[in-house]
PDB file of N, CA and C in Angstrom:
ATOM      1  N   MET A   1    -266.315  71.367 -86.388  1.00  0.00           N
ATOM      2  CA  MET A   1    -265.433  70.725 -85.435  1.00  0.00           C
ATOM      3  C   MET A   1    -266.178  70.541 -84.118  1.00  0.00           C
ATOM      4  N   GLU A   2    -266.139  69.344 -83.588  1.00  0.00           N
ATOM      5  CA  GLU A   2    -266.877  69.063 -82.355  1.00  0.00           C
ATOM      6  C   GLU A   2    -266.095  69.501 -81.116  1.00  0.00           C
ATOM      7  N   PRO A   3    -266.776  69.790 -80.022  1.00  0.00           N
ATOM      8  CA  PRO A   3    -266.115  70.194 -78.772  1.00  0.00           C
ATOM      9  C   PRO A   3    -265.216  69.080 -78.236  1.00  0.00           C
ATOM     10  N   LYS A   4    -264.119  69.486 -77.601  1.00  0.00           N
ATOM     11  CA  LYS A   4    -263.190  68.525 -76.998  1.00  0.00           C
ATOM     12  C   LYS A   4    -262.737  69.043 -75.648  1.00  0.00           C
ATOM     13  N   ASN A   5    -262.321  68.120 -74.798  1.00  0.00           N
ATOM     14  CA  ASN A   5    -261.770  68.459 -73.496  1.00  0.00           C
ATOM     15  C   ASN A   5    -260.317  68.013 -73.440  1.00  0.00           C
ATOM     16  N   TYR A   6    -259.481  68.878 -72.867  1.00  0.00           N
ATOM     17  CA  TYR A   6    -258.054  68.606 -72.786  1.00  0.00           C
ATOM     18  C   TYR A   6    -257.561  68.829 -71.356  1.00  0.00           C
ATOM     19  N   LEU A   7    -256.430  68.197 -71.052  1.00  0.00           N
ATOM     20  CA  LEU A   7    -255.731  68.390 -69.788  1.00  0.00           C
ATOM     21  C   LEU A   7    -254.328  68.869 -70.123  1.00  0.00           C
ATOM     22  N   VAL A   8    -253.877  69.957 -69.490  1.00  0.00           N
ATOM     23  CA  VAL A   8    -252.516  70.447 -69.696  1.00  0.00           C
ATOM     24  C   VAL A   8    -251.588  69.523 -68.905  1.00  0.00           C
ATOM     25  N   VAL A   9    -250.716  68.802 -69.624  1.00  0.00           N
ATOM     26  CA  VAL A   9    -249.846  67.826 -68.966  1.00  0.00           C
ATOM     27  C   VAL A   9    -248.411  68.300 -68.817  1.00  0.00           C
ATOM     28  N   LYS A  10    -248.000  69.303 -69.632  1.00  0.00           N
ATOM     29  CA  LYS A  10    -246.627  69.786 -69.547  1.00  0.00           C
ATOM     30  C   LYS A  10    -246.547  71.163 -70.186  1.00  0.00           C
ATOM     31  N   ILE A  11    -245.685  72.015 -69.609  1.00  0.00           N
ATOM     32  CA  ILE A  11    -245.416  73.327 -70.198  1.00  0.00           C
ATOM     33  C   ILE A  11    -243.905  73.452 -70.349  1.00  0.00           C
ATOM     34  N   GLU A  12    -243.480  73.772 -71.569  1.00  0.00           N
ATOM     35  CA  GLU A  12    -242.060  73.980 -71.863  1.00  0.00           C
ATOM     36  C   GLU A  12    -241.901  75.322 -72.560  1.00  0.00           C
ATOM     37  N   GLY A  13    -241.321  76.282 -71.879  1.00  0.00           N
ATOM     38  CA  GLY A  13    -241.140  77.609 -72.468  1.00  0.00           C
ATOM     39  C   GLY A  13    -242.475  78.258 -72.770  1.00  0.00           C
ATOM     40  N   GLU A  14    -242.693  78.566 -74.025  1.00  0.00           N
ATOM     41  CA  GLU A  14    -243.919  79.231 -74.457  1.00  0.00           C
ATOM     42  C   GLU A  14    -244.954  78.266 -75.036  1.00  0.00           C
ATOM     43  N   TYR A  15    -244.777  76.975 -74.782  1.00  0.00           N
ATOM     44  CA  TYR A  15    -245.676  75.965 -75.357  1.00  0.00           C
ATOM     45  C   TYR A  15    -246.232  75.036 -74.289  1.00  0.00           C
ATOM     46  N   ALA A  16    -247.432  74.539 -74.540  1.00  0.00           N
ATOM     47  CA  ALA A  16    -248.087  73.597 -73.630  1.00  0.00           C
ATOM     48  C   ALA A  16    -248.406  72.313 -74.387  1.00  0.00           C
ATOM     49  N   TYR A  17    -248.406  71.215 -73.663  1.00  0.00           N
ATOM     50  CA  TYR A  17    -248.809  69.925 -74.209  1.00  0.00           C
ATOM     51  C   TYR A  17    -250.175  69.587 -73.627  1.00  0.00           C
ATOM     52  N   LEU A  18    -251.141  69.351 -74.511  1.00  0.00           N
ATOM     53  CA  LEU A  18    -252.504  69.047 -74.091  1.00  0.00           C
ATOM     54  C   LEU A  18    -252.827  67.592 -74.397  1.00  0.00           C
ATOM     55  N   ARG A  19    -253.418  66.906 -73.434  1.00  0.00           N
ATOM     56  CA  ARG A  19    -253.836  65.518 -73.623  1.00  0.00           C
ATOM     57  C   ARG A  19    -255.345  65.478 -73.824  1.00  0.00           C
ATOM     58  N   ASP A  20    -255.758  64.779 -74.852  1.00  0.00           N
ATOM     59  CA  ASP A  20    -257.178  64.625 -75.187  1.00  0.00           C
ATOM     60  C   ASP A  20    -257.846  63.765 -74.113  1.00  0.00           C
ATOM     61  N   GLU A  21    -258.793  64.326 -73.381  1.00  0.00           N
ATOM     62  CA  GLU A  21    -259.486  63.581 -72.324  1.00  0.00           C
ATOM     63  C   GLU A  21    -260.595  62.694 -72.877  1.00  0.00           C
ATOM     64  N   ASN A  22    -260.935  62.859 -74.154  1.00  0.00           N
ATOM     65  CA  ASN A  22    -261.969  62.034 -74.762  1.00  0.00           C
ATOM     66  C   ASN A  22    -261.409  60.703 -75.243  1.00  0.00           C
ATOM     67  N   GLY A  23    -260.079  60.561 -75.204  1.00  0.00           N
ATOM     68  CA  GLY A  23    -259.446  59.316 -75.602  1.00  0.00           C
ATOM     69  C   GLY A  23    -259.434  59.065 -77.093  1.00  0.00           C
ATOM     70  N   GLU A  24    -259.654  60.100 -77.895  1.00  0.00           N
ATOM     71  CA  GLU A  24    -259.703  59.928 -79.339  1.00  0.00           C
ATOM     72  C   GLU A  24    -258.332  59.997 -79.995  1.00  0.00           C
ATOM     73  N   CYS A  25    -257.334  60.544 -79.303  1.00  0.00           N
ATOM     74  CA  CYS A  25    -255.999  60.709 -79.879  1.00  0.00           C
ATOM     75  C   CYS A  25    -254.956  60.251 -78.869  1.00  0.00           C
ATOM     76  N   ASP A  26    -253.982  59.470 -79.341  1.00  0.00           N
ATOM     77  CA  ASP A  26    -252.942  58.957 -78.454  1.00  0.00           C
ATOM     78  C   ASP A  26    -251.794  59.939 -78.239  1.00  0.00           C
ATOM     79  N   GLU A  27    -251.642  60.903 -79.138  1.00  0.00           N
ATOM     80  CA  GLU A  27    -250.549  61.861 -79.045  1.00  0.00           C
ATOM     81  C   GLU A  27    -251.021  63.157 -78.390  1.00  0.00           C
ATOM     82  N   ASP A  28    -250.113  63.785 -77.615  1.00  0.00           N
ATOM     83  CA  ASP A  28    -250.422  65.070 -77.000  1.00  0.00           C
ATOM     84  C   ASP A  28    -250.375  66.177 -78.047  1.00  0.00           C
ATOM     85  N   LEU A  29    -251.217  67.176 -77.877  1.00  0.00           N
ATOM     86  CA  LEU A  29    -251.275  68.332 -78.768  1.00  0.00           C
ATOM     87  C   LEU A  29    -250.283  69.379 -78.263  1.00  0.00           C
ATOM     88  N   PHE A  30    -249.457  69.898 -79.142  1.00  0.00           N
ATOM     89  CA  PHE A  30    -248.436  70.894 -78.829  1.00  0.00           C
ATOM     90  C   PHE A  30    -248.963  72.242 -79.294  1.00  0.00           C
ATOM     91  N   ILE A  31    -249.158  73.209 -78.359  1.00  0.00           N
ATOM     92  CA  ILE A  31    -249.788  74.480 -78.728  1.00  0.00           C
ATOM     93  C   ILE A  31    -249.148  75.650 -77.975  1.00  0.00           C
ATOM     94  N   ALA A  32    -249.104  76.808 -78.617  1.00  0.00           N
ATOM     95  CA  ALA A  32    -248.531  78.004 -78.004  1.00  0.00           C
ATOM     96  C   ALA A  32    -249.402  78.486 -76.844  1.00  0.00           C
ATOM     97  N   LEU A  33    -248.751  78.877 -75.759  1.00  0.00           N
ATOM     98  CA  LEU A  33    -249.485  79.384 -74.588  1.00  0.00           C
ATOM     99  C   LEU A  33    -250.289  80.634 -74.924  1.00  0.00           C
ATOM    100  N   ALA A  34    -249.851  81.405 -75.897  1.00  0.00           N
ATOM    101  CA  ALA A  34    -250.562  82.633 -76.283  1.00  0.00           C
ATOM    102  C   ALA A  34    -251.975  82.340 -76.789  1.00  0.00           C
ATOM    103  N   LEU A  35    -252.231  81.117 -77.225  1.00  0.00           N
ATOM    104  CA  LEU A  35    -253.560  80.743 -77.715  1.00  0.00           C
ATOM    105  C   LEU A  35    -254.474  80.219 -76.606  1.00  0.00           C
ATOM    106  N   LEU A  36    -253.929  80.084 -75.400  1.00  0.00           N
ATOM    107  CA  LEU A  36    -254.700  79.547 -74.269  1.00  0.00           C
ATOM    108  C   LEU A  36    -255.083  80.670 -73.311  1.00  0.00           C
ATOM    109  N   PRO A  37    -256.107  80.446 -72.470  1.00  0.00           N
ATOM    110  CA  PRO A  37    -256.508  81.476 -71.497  1.00  0.00           C
ATOM    111  C   PRO A  37    -255.372  81.802 -70.518  1.00  0.00           C
ATOM    112  N   ALA A  38    -255.367  83.009 -70.020  1.00  0.00           N
ATOM    113  CA  ALA A  38    -254.365  83.439 -69.045  1.00  0.00           C
ATOM    114  C   ALA A  38    -254.444  82.575 -67.787  1.00  0.00           C
ATOM    115  N   GLY A  39    -253.297  82.309 -67.192  1.00  0.00           N
ATOM    116  CA  GLY A  39    -253.250  81.560 -65.946  1.00  0.00           C
ATOM    117  C   GLY A  39    -253.253  80.051 -66.106  1.00  0.00           C
ATOM    118  N   VAL A  40    -253.161  79.557 -67.325  1.00  0.00           N
ATOM    119  CA  VAL A  40    -253.133  78.110 -67.544  1.00  0.00           C
ATOM    120  C   VAL A  40    -251.852  77.539 -66.966  1.00  0.00           C
ATOM    121  N   ASN A  41    -251.962  76.396 -66.293  1.00  0.00           N
ATOM    122  CA  ASN A  41    -250.822  75.737 -65.677  1.00  0.00           C
ATOM    123  C   ASN A  41    -250.987  74.239 -65.841  1.00  0.00           C
ATOM    124  N   VAL A  42    -249.962  73.481 -65.478  1.00  0.00           N
ATOM    125  CA  VAL A  42    -250.053  72.023 -65.542  1.00  0.00           C
ATOM    126  C   VAL A  42    -251.210  71.572 -64.654  1.00  0.00           C
ATOM    127  N   GLY A  43    -252.053  70.710 -65.187  1.00  0.00           N
ATOM    128  CA  GLY A  43    -253.211  70.220 -64.446  1.00  0.00           C
ATOM    129  C   GLY A  43    -254.505  70.953 -64.766  1.00  0.00           C
ATOM    130  N   THR A  44    -254.420  72.051 -65.505  1.00  0.00           N
ATOM    131  CA  THR A  44    -255.614  72.800 -65.890  1.00  0.00           C
ATOM    132  C   THR A  44    -256.417  72.016 -66.918  1.00  0.00           C
ATOM    133  N   ARG A  45    -257.726  71.973 -66.737  1.00  0.00           N
ATOM    134  CA  ARG A  45    -258.609  71.318 -67.699  1.00  0.00           C
ATOM    135  C   ARG A  45    -259.186  72.392 -68.619  1.00  0.00           C
ATOM    136  N   LEU A  46    -259.135  72.101 -69.927  1.00  0.00           N
ATOM    137  CA  LEU A  46    -259.597  73.060 -70.928  1.00  0.00           C
ATOM    138  C   LEU A  46    -260.704  72.463 -71.779  1.00  0.00           C
ATOM    139  N   HIS A  47    -261.594  73.331 -72.213  1.00  0.00           N
ATOM    140  CA  HIS A  47    -262.663  72.939 -73.133  1.00  0.00           C
ATOM    141  C   HIS A  47    -262.419  73.702 -74.436  1.00  0.00           C
ATOM    142  N   TYR A  48    -262.437  72.984 -75.564  1.00  0.00           N
ATOM    143  CA  TYR A  48    -262.211  73.585 -76.873  1.00  0.00           C
ATOM    144  C   TYR A  48    -263.470  73.484 -77.709  1.00  0.00           C
ATOM    145  N   GLU A  49    -263.939  74.647 -78.162  1.00  0.00           N
ATOM    146  CA  GLU A  49    -265.140  74.690 -78.992  1.00  0.00           C
ATOM    147  C   GLU A  49    -265.136  75.991 -79.794  1.00  0.00           C
ATOM    148  N   MET A  50    -265.502  75.902 -81.057  1.00  0.00           N
ATOM    149  CA  MET A  50    -265.583  77.080 -81.934  1.00  0.00           C
ATOM    150  C   MET A  50    -264.252  77.846 -81.966  1.00  0.00           C
ATOM    151  N   PHE A  51    -263.127  77.114 -82.062  1.00  0.00           N
ATOM    152  CA  PHE A  51    -261.782  77.669 -82.164  1.00  0.00           C
ATOM    153  C   PHE A  51    -261.376  78.472 -80.936  1.00  0.00           C
ATOM    154  N   GLU A  52    -261.930  78.148 -79.773  1.00  0.00           N
ATOM    155  CA  GLU A  52    -261.619  78.868 -78.545  1.00  0.00           C
ATOM    156  C   GLU A  52    -261.442  77.893 -77.393  1.00  0.00           C
ATOM    157  N   TYR A  53    -260.407  78.146 -76.580  1.00  0.00           N
ATOM    158  CA  TYR A  53    -260.165  77.347 -75.373  1.00  0.00           C
ATOM    159  C   TYR A  53    -260.689  78.107 -74.175  1.00  0.00           C
ATOM    160  N   THR A  54    -261.395  77.399 -73.287  1.00  0.00           N
ATOM    161  CA  THR A  54    -261.855  77.990 -72.032  1.00  0.00           C
ATOM    162  C   THR A  54    -261.477  77.049 -70.896  1.00  0.00           C
ATOM    163  N   VAL A  55    -261.282  77.619 -69.703  1.00  0.00           N
ATOM    164  CA  VAL A  55    -260.938  76.807 -68.537  1.00  0.00           C
ATOM    165  C   VAL A  55    -262.194  76.144 -68.010  1.00  0.00           C
ATOM    166  N   GLU A  56    -262.107  74.836 -67.771  1.00  0.00           N
ATOM    167  CA  GLU A  56    -263.232  74.081 -67.202  1.00  0.00           C
ATOM    168  C   GLU A  56    -263.238  74.238 -65.693  1.00  0.00           C
ATOM    169  N   ASP A  57    -264.384  74.341 -65.111  1.00  0.00           N
ATOM    170  CA  ASP A  57    -264.521  74.437 -63.647  1.00  0.00           C
ATOM    171  C   ASP A  57    -264.424  73.089 -62.994  1.00  0.00           C
TER     172      ASP A  57
END
């Protein structure tokens, strides 16, 4: 699986909606906050690689 960059666009309860910044997918990804780094909020940029999300600087 190749690395991807996402933007957190919405948080509802215990779930976040991630938008693909590479433009490869038109639909937002729906994922549990427990799988994301602590402190993630709307507007946070994430990098996904090797089944792990990290916050982008």
